[in-house]
N, C-alpha and C. Protein backbone atom coordinates (compact mmCIF):
# COMPACT_ATOMS: atom_id res chain seq x y z
N MET A 1 -5.17 -8.65 27.60
CA MET A 1 -5.12 -10.09 27.23
C MET A 1 -4.55 -10.32 28.71
N LYS A 2 -5.03 -11.27 28.98
CA LYS A 2 -4.98 -12.22 30.52
C LYS A 2 -3.34 -12.58 30.59
N ASN A 3 -3.06 -12.08 31.75
CA ASN A 3 -1.65 -12.27 32.06
C ASN A 3 -0.71 -11.82 31.15
N ARG A 4 -1.08 -10.38 30.76
CA ARG A 4 0.07 -9.64 29.68
C ARG A 4 0.05 -8.29 30.80
N VAL A 5 1.33 -8.04 30.43
CA VAL A 5 1.58 -6.67 30.94
C VAL A 5 1.16 -5.35 30.46
N THR A 6 0.53 -4.46 31.03
CA THR A 6 -0.23 -3.49 30.55
C THR A 6 0.65 -2.08 30.87
N ARG A 7 0.17 -0.95 29.96
CA ARG A 7 0.63 0.24 30.48
C ARG A 7 0.08 0.82 31.55
N ALA A 8 0.48 1.89 32.02
CA ALA A 8 -0.09 2.65 33.27
C ALA A 8 -1.32 3.29 32.80
N ALA A 9 -2.46 3.40 33.54
CA ALA A 9 -3.78 3.84 33.05
C ALA A 9 -3.35 5.24 32.84
N GLY A 10 -4.28 5.55 31.51
CA GLY A 10 -4.01 6.92 30.85
C GLY A 10 -2.58 7.27 30.38
N ALA A 11 -1.73 6.39 30.01
CA ALA A 11 -0.48 6.56 29.43
C ALA A 11 -0.51 6.86 27.90
N PRO A 12 -0.11 8.04 27.33
CA PRO A 12 -0.41 8.60 26.00
C PRO A 12 0.11 7.36 25.18
N THR A 13 -0.51 7.27 24.04
CA THR A 13 0.12 6.23 23.15
C THR A 13 -0.54 6.94 21.59
N VAL A 14 0.30 6.32 20.67
CA VAL A 14 0.06 6.67 19.63
C VAL A 14 0.18 5.40 18.43
N LEU A 15 -0.53 5.58 17.36
CA LEU A 15 -0.83 4.36 16.44
C LEU A 15 0.41 4.45 15.65
N LEU A 16 1.25 3.18 15.41
CA LEU A 16 2.68 2.75 14.54
C LEU A 16 2.26 1.50 13.78
N GLN A 17 2.27 2.01 12.40
CA GLN A 17 1.74 0.68 11.58
C GLN A 17 2.93 0.40 10.50
N GLY A 18 3.16 -0.63 10.11
CA GLY A 18 3.87 -1.00 8.87
C GLY A 18 3.53 -2.74 8.44
N ARG A 19 3.76 -2.75 7.23
CA ARG A 19 3.67 -4.17 7.02
C ARG A 19 4.93 -4.99 6.74
N VAL A 20 4.88 -6.22 7.35
CA VAL A 20 5.83 -6.73 7.57
C VAL A 20 5.87 -8.36 6.90
N SER A 21 6.79 -8.97 6.89
CA SER A 21 6.87 -10.57 6.33
C SER A 21 6.00 -11.33 7.36
N PRO A 22 5.16 -12.40 6.89
CA PRO A 22 4.42 -13.34 7.87
C PRO A 22 5.46 -13.73 8.82
N GLN A 23 6.70 -14.17 8.37
CA GLN A 23 7.84 -14.68 9.33
C GLN A 23 8.15 -13.64 10.31
N THR A 24 8.57 -12.41 10.13
CA THR A 24 8.83 -11.26 10.72
C THR A 24 7.80 -11.08 12.02
N ARG A 25 6.42 -11.05 11.31
CA ARG A 25 5.33 -11.22 12.47
C ARG A 25 5.38 -12.41 13.36
N ALA A 26 5.25 -13.35 12.91
CA ALA A 26 5.60 -14.59 13.80
C ALA A 26 6.52 -14.65 14.64
N ASP A 27 7.76 -14.00 14.26
CA ASP A 27 8.74 -13.93 15.31
C ASP A 27 8.54 -12.90 16.58
N VAL A 28 8.09 -11.90 16.07
CA VAL A 28 7.78 -11.06 17.01
C VAL A 28 6.46 -11.42 17.86
N GLN A 29 5.39 -11.96 17.20
CA GLN A 29 4.62 -12.68 18.18
C GLN A 29 5.06 -13.62 18.97
N ALA A 30 5.99 -14.43 18.55
CA ALA A 30 6.28 -15.30 19.63
C ALA A 30 7.50 -14.94 20.70
N ALA A 31 8.15 -13.92 20.31
CA ALA A 31 9.18 -13.23 21.46
C ALA A 31 8.49 -12.31 22.49
N ALA A 32 6.96 -11.45 21.69
CA ALA A 32 6.17 -10.98 22.66
C ALA A 32 5.59 -11.79 23.52
N GLU A 33 4.86 -13.04 23.08
CA GLU A 33 4.53 -14.09 24.01
C GLU A 33 5.33 -14.76 25.26
N GLU A 34 6.50 -15.01 24.58
CA GLU A 34 7.58 -15.34 25.57
C GLU A 34 7.98 -14.30 26.90
N SER A 35 8.10 -12.97 26.41
CA SER A 35 8.09 -12.20 27.17
C SER A 35 6.85 -11.92 28.08
N GLY A 36 5.83 -12.30 27.90
CA GLY A 36 4.71 -12.21 28.56
C GLY A 36 4.03 -10.39 28.14
N VAL A 37 4.29 -10.16 27.11
CA VAL A 37 3.62 -8.63 26.83
C VAL A 37 2.95 -8.83 25.73
N SER A 38 2.22 -7.70 25.32
CA SER A 38 1.72 -7.49 24.04
C SER A 38 2.68 -7.22 22.78
N ILE A 39 2.12 -7.22 21.73
CA ILE A 39 3.44 -6.90 20.38
C ILE A 39 4.01 -5.60 20.63
N ALA A 40 2.91 -4.75 21.05
CA ALA A 40 3.14 -3.29 20.95
C ALA A 40 3.86 -2.81 21.91
N TYR A 41 3.71 -3.77 23.35
CA TYR A 41 4.75 -3.11 24.31
C TYR A 41 6.11 -3.77 24.08
N TYR A 42 6.00 -5.23 23.31
CA TYR A 42 7.28 -5.66 23.01
C TYR A 42 8.24 -4.62 21.99
N LEU A 43 7.46 -4.23 21.07
CA LEU A 43 8.06 -3.35 19.96
C LEU A 43 8.87 -2.06 20.80
N GLU A 44 7.89 -1.63 21.47
CA GLU A 44 8.16 -0.28 22.28
C GLU A 44 9.65 -0.39 23.14
N GLY A 45 9.81 -1.80 23.79
CA GLY A 45 10.65 -2.13 24.48
C GLY A 45 11.77 -2.52 23.69
N LEU A 46 11.93 -2.91 22.54
CA LEU A 46 12.83 -3.25 21.55
C LEU A 46 13.49 -2.07 20.99
N VAL A 47 12.41 -0.86 20.80
CA VAL A 47 12.97 0.30 20.51
C VAL A 47 13.81 0.89 21.60
N ALA A 48 13.30 0.96 22.73
CA ALA A 48 14.03 1.42 23.76
C ALA A 48 15.30 0.87 24.02
N ARG A 49 15.34 -0.17 23.74
CA ARG A 49 16.73 -1.08 24.22
C ARG A 49 17.52 -0.62 23.20
N LEU A 50 17.54 -0.65 21.80
CA LEU A 50 18.19 -0.27 20.89
C LEU A 50 18.65 1.15 20.98
N ILE A 51 18.07 2.22 21.58
CA ILE A 51 18.58 3.54 21.65
C ILE A 51 19.42 3.34 22.94
N GLU A 52 19.03 2.82 23.76
CA GLU A 52 19.72 2.80 25.16
C GLU A 52 21.19 2.16 24.65
N GLN A 53 21.11 1.16 24.02
CA GLN A 53 22.89 0.63 23.39
C GLN A 53 23.61 1.48 22.49
N ASP A 54 22.64 1.97 21.69
CA ASP A 54 23.33 2.69 20.51
C ASP A 54 23.35 4.22 20.45
N GLY A 55 22.32 4.64 21.29
CA GLY A 55 22.08 6.25 21.42
C GLY A 55 21.52 6.58 20.68
N THR A 56 20.88 5.72 19.54
CA THR A 56 20.01 6.13 18.39
C THR A 56 19.40 4.93 17.74
N LEU A 57 18.18 4.91 16.83
CA LEU A 57 17.79 3.72 16.38
C LEU A 57 18.92 3.67 14.92
N PRO A 58 19.12 2.03 14.61
CA PRO A 58 20.08 2.04 13.52
C PRO A 58 19.56 2.60 12.39
N LEU A 59 20.12 2.72 11.21
CA LEU A 59 19.70 3.08 9.82
C LEU A 59 19.94 1.89 9.12
N ILE A 60 18.78 1.64 8.50
CA ILE A 60 18.78 0.51 7.57
C ILE A 60 18.66 0.91 6.03
N ALA A 61 19.70 -0.09 5.34
CA ALA A 61 19.67 -0.09 4.08
C ALA A 61 18.39 0.02 3.32
N PRO A 62 18.04 0.90 2.19
CA PRO A 62 16.76 0.73 1.66
C PRO A 62 16.67 -0.62 0.56
N PRO A 63 15.49 -0.91 0.41
CA PRO A 63 15.33 -2.24 -0.49
C PRO A 63 16.00 -2.26 -1.93
N GLN A 64 16.89 -3.16 -2.43
CA GLN A 64 17.46 -3.09 -3.64
C GLN A 64 16.35 -2.68 -4.71
N ARG A 65 16.55 -2.08 -5.77
CA ARG A 65 15.99 -1.70 -7.08
C ARG A 65 15.79 -3.05 -7.74
N GLN A 66 14.86 -3.02 -8.60
CA GLN A 66 14.64 -4.27 -9.23
C GLN A 66 15.73 -4.11 -10.63
N ARG A 67 16.45 -5.12 -10.84
CA ARG A 67 17.43 -5.04 -11.88
C ARG A 67 16.84 -4.71 -13.38
N GLU A 68 15.57 -5.02 -13.48
CA GLU A 68 15.15 -4.75 -15.06
C GLU A 68 13.82 -4.22 -15.02
N GLU A 69 13.55 -3.36 -15.83
CA GLU A 69 12.33 -2.53 -16.08
C GLU A 69 11.21 -3.48 -16.98
N LEU A 70 10.16 -3.01 -16.63
CA LEU A 70 9.07 -3.87 -17.48
C LEU A 70 8.92 -3.07 -18.80
N PRO A 71 8.41 -4.07 -19.84
CA PRO A 71 8.49 -3.17 -21.24
C PRO A 71 7.45 -2.49 -21.39
N ILE A 72 7.09 -1.33 -20.91
CA ILE A 72 5.73 -0.45 -21.15
C ILE A 72 5.93 0.29 -22.07
N GLU A 73 5.29 0.12 -23.52
CA GLU A 73 5.20 1.18 -24.32
C GLU A 73 4.40 2.35 -24.06
N ALA A 74 4.87 3.62 -24.77
CA ALA A 74 4.07 4.84 -24.36
C ALA A 74 3.03 4.81 -25.19
N ALA A 75 1.80 5.42 -24.90
CA ALA A 75 0.73 5.33 -25.58
C ALA A 75 0.75 6.44 -26.86
């Protein structure tokens, strides 16, 4: 993309995928745009910053389980 920072030619990369909320995606896109980098480059920098600050990536609590189960009858 025009006016964006890119990796060195031939730098190894791998695919990292995950689904996020539309708001999270918009927030990351905006931060990357303001930083003048791609989303991938921004996320890599964000992870590197967290590791530099804390020595590791933070652990995140798992999503809360649903409080009720659906009434499904056995066949």
